[in-house]
């Protein structure tokens, strides 16, 4: 996956190092040694795992001085069941009609916070949600769609509320981490069990 060209030469010259795309799930390394007589120079090459390419969508919304997006990058989300727990990461998709939602427990969001939201976006914290509530009277339920939730028995619920994770925590088993958007457009912050499956919105 890592080659140098030309392999040999004389006098002054340029050596080009080419690498192929890293399609593995691990960072890979190599060394390139350039030698002339008794003099050798070693170049260490490191290639990280490429970021995930799947995005739920590329929609954006601006509320006040914040811009939000549902361009969530999903490293892996192929679980056939959703087992509510606080320890292992859980992720599953749910399709209804032409719409597909991806939902995660809090552990999955925390483990993948650096890849879920592509730079310069980030997974929101409670302060981001507080600023959103303070700066907008928009009806997020109808703007963002149903956040929904999955319970420990894998049931996905569509309700008159929408729920979204943040990274803020409230003790070991709960997160101060969601916003509910009611049918009437009101919004609030509260605590929710970390074993449930909720959606994520990115902010910058």
Protein backbone atom coordinates (compact mmCIF):
# COMPACT_ATOMS: atom_id res chain seq x y z
CA UNK A 1 0.00 0.00 0.00
CA UNK A 2 3.04 2.26 0.30
CA UNK A 3 5.50 2.51 -2.59
CA UNK A 4 8.44 4.78 -3.46
CA UNK A 5 9.36 5.80 -6.98
CA UNK A 6 11.93 5.69 -8.46
CA UNK A 7 13.46 2.81 -6.52
CA UNK A 8 17.00 3.77 -7.60
CA UNK A 9 18.74 6.79 -9.06
CA UNK A 10 21.90 8.86 -9.32
CA UNK A 11 22.83 12.48 -8.56
CA UNK A 12 20.04 14.81 -7.43
CA UNK A 13 16.43 13.71 -7.77
CA UNK A 14 12.97 13.52 -6.31
CA UNK A 15 11.44 10.46 -4.71
CA UNK A 16 7.65 10.21 -4.67
CA UNK A 17 5.87 8.09 -2.08
CA UNK A 18 2.41 6.87 -3.08
CA UNK A 19 -0.13 5.30 -0.73
CA UNK A 20 -3.40 3.59 -1.51
CA UNK A 21 -6.60 4.31 0.39
CA UNK A 22 -6.83 2.70 3.79
CA UNK A 23 -9.88 0.47 3.54
CA UNK A 24 -9.07 -1.35 6.78
CA UNK A 25 -10.35 -0.60 10.27
CA UNK A 26 -6.90 0.05 11.74
CA UNK A 27 -4.17 2.66 11.37
CA UNK A 28 -1.28 1.27 9.37
CA UNK A 29 2.39 2.25 9.34
CA UNK A 30 5.39 1.82 7.08
CA UNK A 31 8.95 3.10 6.78
CA UNK A 32 10.62 4.49 3.67
CA UNK A 33 14.42 4.41 3.71
CA UNK A 34 16.41 6.64 1.37
CA UNK A 35 20.08 5.68 1.28
CA UNK A 36 23.14 7.02 -0.49
CA UNK A 37 26.36 5.24 0.28
CA UNK A 38 26.70 5.04 4.03
CA UNK A 39 24.09 7.75 4.68
CA UNK A 40 20.48 6.71 5.23
CA UNK A 41 17.36 8.70 6.06
CA UNK A 42 14.23 6.98 7.36
CA UNK A 43 10.76 8.42 6.82
CA UNK A 44 7.96 7.04 8.96
CA UNK A 45 4.59 6.87 7.25
CA UNK A 46 1.37 6.56 9.23
CA UNK A 47 -2.08 6.30 7.67
CA UNK A 48 -5.13 6.62 9.89
CA UNK A 49 -8.46 4.95 9.37
CA UNK A 50 -10.48 7.14 7.00
CA UNK A 51 -13.48 8.91 8.49
CA UNK A 52 -16.85 7.27 7.90
CA UNK A 53 -18.50 8.37 4.70
CA UNK A 54 -22.14 7.69 5.48
CA UNK A 55 -24.15 10.71 6.51
CA UNK A 56 -27.80 10.68 7.52
CA UNK A 57 -28.31 13.78 5.38
CA UNK A 58 -26.71 17.16 4.77
CA UNK A 59 -29.43 19.50 6.00
CA UNK A 60 -28.52 22.53 8.07
CA UNK A 61 -30.53 24.97 10.17
CA UNK A 62 -29.51 28.31 11.67
CA UNK A 63 -31.00 29.46 14.96
CA UNK A 64 -29.56 32.67 16.37
CA UNK A 65 -25.76 32.43 16.14
CA UNK A 66 -25.74 28.63 15.96
CA UNK A 67 -25.83 26.40 12.91
CA UNK A 68 -27.10 22.84 13.35
CA UNK A 69 -26.93 19.86 11.06
CA UNK A 70 -28.07 16.26 10.87
CA UNK A 71 -25.04 15.30 8.75
CA UNK A 72 -24.19 12.55 11.20
CA UNK A 73 -21.34 10.27 10.18
CA UNK A 74 -22.04 6.73 11.27
CA UNK A 75 -18.94 4.60 11.88
CA UNK A 76 -20.94 1.39 12.32
CA UNK A 77 -24.65 0.91 12.74
CA UNK A 78 -25.68 -2.54 11.64
CA UNK A 79 -27.12 -4.00 14.82
CA UNK A 80 -30.33 -5.94 14.27
CA UNK A 81 -31.54 -5.40 17.83
CA UNK A 82 -31.21 -2.61 20.33
CA UNK A 83 -30.45 -3.88 23.83
CA UNK A 84 -30.80 -1.05 26.29
CA UNK A 85 -27.81 -0.91 28.61
CA UNK A 86 -25.39 1.58 30.10
CA UNK A 87 -22.13 -0.22 29.34
CA UNK A 88 -21.96 -1.28 25.69
CA UNK A 89 -22.50 1.06 22.72
CA UNK A 90 -25.77 0.50 20.89
CA UNK A 91 -26.80 1.78 17.47
CA UNK A 92 -29.62 0.86 15.13
CA UNK A 93 -31.55 2.30 12.21
CA UNK A 94 -35.31 2.51 11.92
CA UNK A 95 -37.15 2.99 8.63
CA UNK A 96 -40.71 4.17 8.26
CA UNK A 97 -41.90 4.93 4.75
CA UNK A 98 -39.23 6.92 2.92
CA UNK A 99 -37.51 8.05 6.14
CA UNK A 100 -34.70 6.33 8.00
CA UNK A 101 -33.60 7.33 11.49
CA UNK A 102 -30.40 6.31 13.25
CA UNK A 103 -30.51 6.13 16.99
CA UNK A 104 -27.91 5.39 19.65
CA UNK A 105 -27.55 4.96 23.37
CA UNK A 106 -25.45 7.49 25.24
CA UNK A 107 -22.41 5.19 25.39
CA UNK A 108 -22.30 4.99 21.58
CA UNK A 109 -22.46 8.78 21.28
CA UNK A 110 -19.73 9.30 23.87
CA UNK A 111 -17.46 6.64 22.29
CA UNK A 112 -17.88 8.10 18.79
CA UNK A 113 -18.14 11.80 19.56
CA UNK A 114 -15.02 12.58 17.52
CA UNK A 115 -16.42 10.95 14.37
CA UNK A 116 -20.20 11.34 14.63
CA UNK A 117 -20.02 15.04 13.78
CA UNK A 118 -17.51 15.96 11.06
CA UNK A 119 -15.28 18.96 11.80
CA UNK A 120 -16.08 21.79 12.45
CA UNK A 121 -19.32 20.35 13.84
CA UNK A 122 -19.49 18.75 17.29
CA UNK A 123 -21.92 16.78 19.39
CA UNK A 124 -23.73 19.38 21.53
CA UNK A 125 -23.38 19.78 25.26
CA UNK A 126 -25.99 21.12 27.62
CA UNK A 127 -24.78 24.68 27.03
CA UNK A 128 -25.37 24.34 23.29
CA UNK A 129 -28.91 23.16 23.95
CA UNK A 130 -29.51 25.96 26.45
CA UNK A 131 -28.39 28.51 23.85
CA UNK A 132 -30.70 26.92 21.30
CA UNK A 133 -33.69 27.11 23.63
CA UNK A 134 -32.85 30.72 24.52
CA UNK A 135 -32.35 31.93 20.96
CA UNK A 136 -35.15 30.34 19.00
CA UNK A 137 -38.90 29.94 19.10
CA UNK A 138 -38.81 27.51 16.20
CA UNK A 139 -40.79 24.30 16.36
CA UNK A 140 -37.94 21.79 16.32
CA UNK A 141 -40.25 18.82 16.30
CA UNK A 142 -41.44 19.69 12.83
CA UNK A 143 -38.12 21.22 11.75
CA UNK A 144 -35.97 18.25 12.71
CA UNK A 145 -38.55 15.49 12.64
CA UNK A 146 -39.28 12.96 15.31
CA UNK A 147 -36.25 12.26 17.46
CA UNK A 148 -38.04 9.23 18.80
CA UNK A 149 -36.48 6.76 21.15
CA UNK A 150 -35.81 3.06 21.46
CA UNK A 151 -36.49 1.20 24.65
CA UNK A 152 -34.61 -1.82 25.96
CA UNK A 153 -36.94 -4.19 24.11
CA UNK A 154 -35.91 -2.71 20.75
CA UNK A 155 -39.20 -0.92 20.20
CA UNK A 156 -38.85 2.39 18.38
CA UNK A 157 -41.31 5.06 19.45
CA UNK A 158 -42.69 7.89 17.38
CA UNK A 159 -44.39 10.30 19.72
CA UNK A 160 -45.42 13.92 20.01
CA UNK A 161 -41.96 14.74 21.31
CA UNK A 162 -38.48 14.75 19.80
CA UNK A 163 -35.38 13.76 21.78
CA UNK A 164 -31.70 14.44 21.03
CA UNK A 165 -28.54 13.52 22.92
CA UNK A 166 -25.93 15.88 24.29
CA UNK A 167 -22.66 14.87 25.97
CA UNK A 168 -23.57 16.34 29.36
CA UNK A 169 -24.14 13.77 32.08
CA UNK A 170 -26.27 13.55 35.18
CA UNK A 171 -24.80 10.74 37.24
CA UNK A 172 -23.65 7.33 35.97
CA UNK A 173 -26.97 6.21 34.51
CA UNK A 174 -28.54 9.39 33.20
CA UNK A 175 -27.67 12.23 30.88
CA UNK A 176 -28.60 15.86 31.29
CA UNK A 177 -28.70 15.41 27.67
CA UNK A 178 -31.82 15.85 25.73
CA UNK A 179 -34.20 18.37 24.36
CA UNK A 180 -37.85 17.64 23.91
CA UNK A 181 -39.84 19.48 21.29
CA UNK A 182 -43.56 19.13 21.83
CA UNK A 183 -46.26 19.36 19.17
CA UNK A 184 -47.04 22.85 20.41
CA UNK A 185 -43.45 23.95 19.76
CA UNK A 186 -42.31 24.27 23.39
CA UNK A 187 -38.84 23.03 24.32
CA UNK A 188 -37.21 21.95 27.52
CA UNK A 189 -34.12 20.32 29.02
CA UNK A 190 -34.24 17.37 31.35
CA UNK A 191 -32.50 14.13 32.31
CA UNK A 192 -32.93 10.84 30.51
CA UNK A 193 -31.67 7.31 31.00
CA UNK A 194 -28.45 6.60 29.09
CA UNK A 195 -29.68 3.19 27.94
CA UNK A 196 -32.33 4.63 25.62
CA UNK A 197 -31.75 5.17 21.92
CA UNK A 198 -31.96 8.79 20.76
CA UNK A 199 -30.83 10.79 17.75
CA UNK A 200 -28.03 13.33 17.53
CA UNK A 201 -27.84 16.75 15.92
CA UNK A 202 -24.47 18.43 15.29
CA UNK A 203 -23.76 22.09 16.04
CA UNK A 204 -21.10 24.65 15.28
